[in-house]
Protein backbone atom coordinates (compact mmCIF):
# COMPACT_ATOMS: atom_id res chain seq x y z
CA LEU A 1 0.00 0.00 0.00
CA LEU A 2 2.88 2.39 0.63
CA ASN A 3 3.93 2.14 -3.01
CA PHE A 4 0.94 4.17 -4.20
CA ASN A 5 1.51 7.90 -4.82
CA ASP A 6 0.90 10.31 -1.93
CA ILE A 7 0.22 7.61 0.69
CA LYS A 8 1.56 8.66 4.11
CA ALA A 9 0.73 5.45 5.95
CA SER A 10 -1.24 2.22 5.73
CA PHE A 11 -3.40 0.64 8.42
CA VAL A 12 -4.78 -2.89 8.38
CA VAL A 13 -7.60 -3.68 10.80
CA GLY A 14 -8.42 -7.35 11.23
CA ASN A 15 -9.94 -10.00 13.45
CA ARG A 16 -7.38 -12.02 15.38
CA ILE A 17 -7.51 -15.76 15.90
CA ASP A 18 -7.84 -15.18 19.66
CA GLY A 19 -11.08 -13.25 19.12
CA GLY A 20 -9.61 -9.78 19.48
CA VAL A 21 -9.10 -7.13 16.83
CA GLY A 22 -5.71 -5.82 15.77
CA ILE A 23 -4.34 -2.86 13.86
CA SER A 24 -1.06 -3.13 12.00
CA ALA A 25 0.36 0.19 10.77
CA ARG A 26 3.24 1.04 8.44
CA SER A 27 4.68 4.34 7.26
CA GLU A 28 7.61 5.60 5.24
CA GLY A 29 7.89 8.55 7.64
CA GLY A 30 5.09 10.79 6.36
CA LEU A 31 2.99 10.03 9.44
CA ASP A 32 4.26 8.78 12.80
CA VAL A 33 2.17 5.61 13.13
CA GLY A 34 3.64 5.02 16.59
CA VAL A 35 1.94 8.17 17.88
CA THR A 36 -1.33 7.14 16.23
CA THR A 37 -1.34 3.67 17.79
CA GLU A 38 -0.26 5.02 21.19
CA LYS A 39 -3.47 7.06 21.25
CA LEU A 40 -5.32 3.76 20.77
CA GLY A 41 -3.44 1.94 23.53
CA GLY A 42 -0.73 0.39 21.35
CA GLY A 43 2.76 1.41 20.40
CA GLY A 44 5.57 1.37 17.92
CA ASP A 45 7.70 3.87 16.11
CA ILE A 46 7.37 6.23 13.15
CA TYR A 47 7.60 3.34 10.65
CA ASN A 48 5.96 0.29 12.32
CA ALA A 49 3.28 0.12 14.96
CA ALA A 50 0.36 -1.97 16.20
CA CYS A 51 -2.39 -2.21 18.78
CA LEU A 52 -4.79 -4.85 20.04
CA PHE A 53 -8.37 -4.67 21.25
CA ASN A 54 -10.23 -7.35 23.19
CA ASP A 55 -13.38 -5.41 24.00
CA LEU A 56 -14.34 -3.88 20.62
CA ASN A 57 -15.50 -5.38 17.33
CA ILE A 58 -13.84 -4.61 14.01
CA LYS A 59 -16.28 -1.80 13.08
CA GLU A 60 -15.77 -0.12 16.45
CA VAL A 61 -11.98 -0.33 16.08
CA GLU A 62 -12.20 1.11 12.58
CA SER A 63 -14.29 4.02 13.92
CA GLU A 64 -11.78 4.67 16.72
CA LEU A 65 -8.89 4.67 14.24
CA ILE A 66 -10.67 7.10 11.92
CA LYS A 67 -11.45 9.38 14.87
CA VAL A 68 -7.79 9.49 15.89
CA LEU A 69 -6.60 10.08 12.32
CA ASN A 70 -9.07 12.95 11.88
CA GLU A 71 -7.75 14.54 15.09
CA GLU A 72 -4.19 14.38 13.72
CA GLU A 73 -4.96 16.30 10.53
């Protein structure tokens, strides 16, 4: 996903085998994905980050991620 023009970062939200929901984030430095995931209870650095949720479904996690990204604009 980072190979497309003008993409600052990519986020993948998916159901985990343990029943939780995870976000995996990657960036080439245009957006600090570590800061983004920290706001969601996860961590990482400017290039690679992740977070896990056990109490939200995939749609709720997606909504939370979008909320945080909109705040960062």
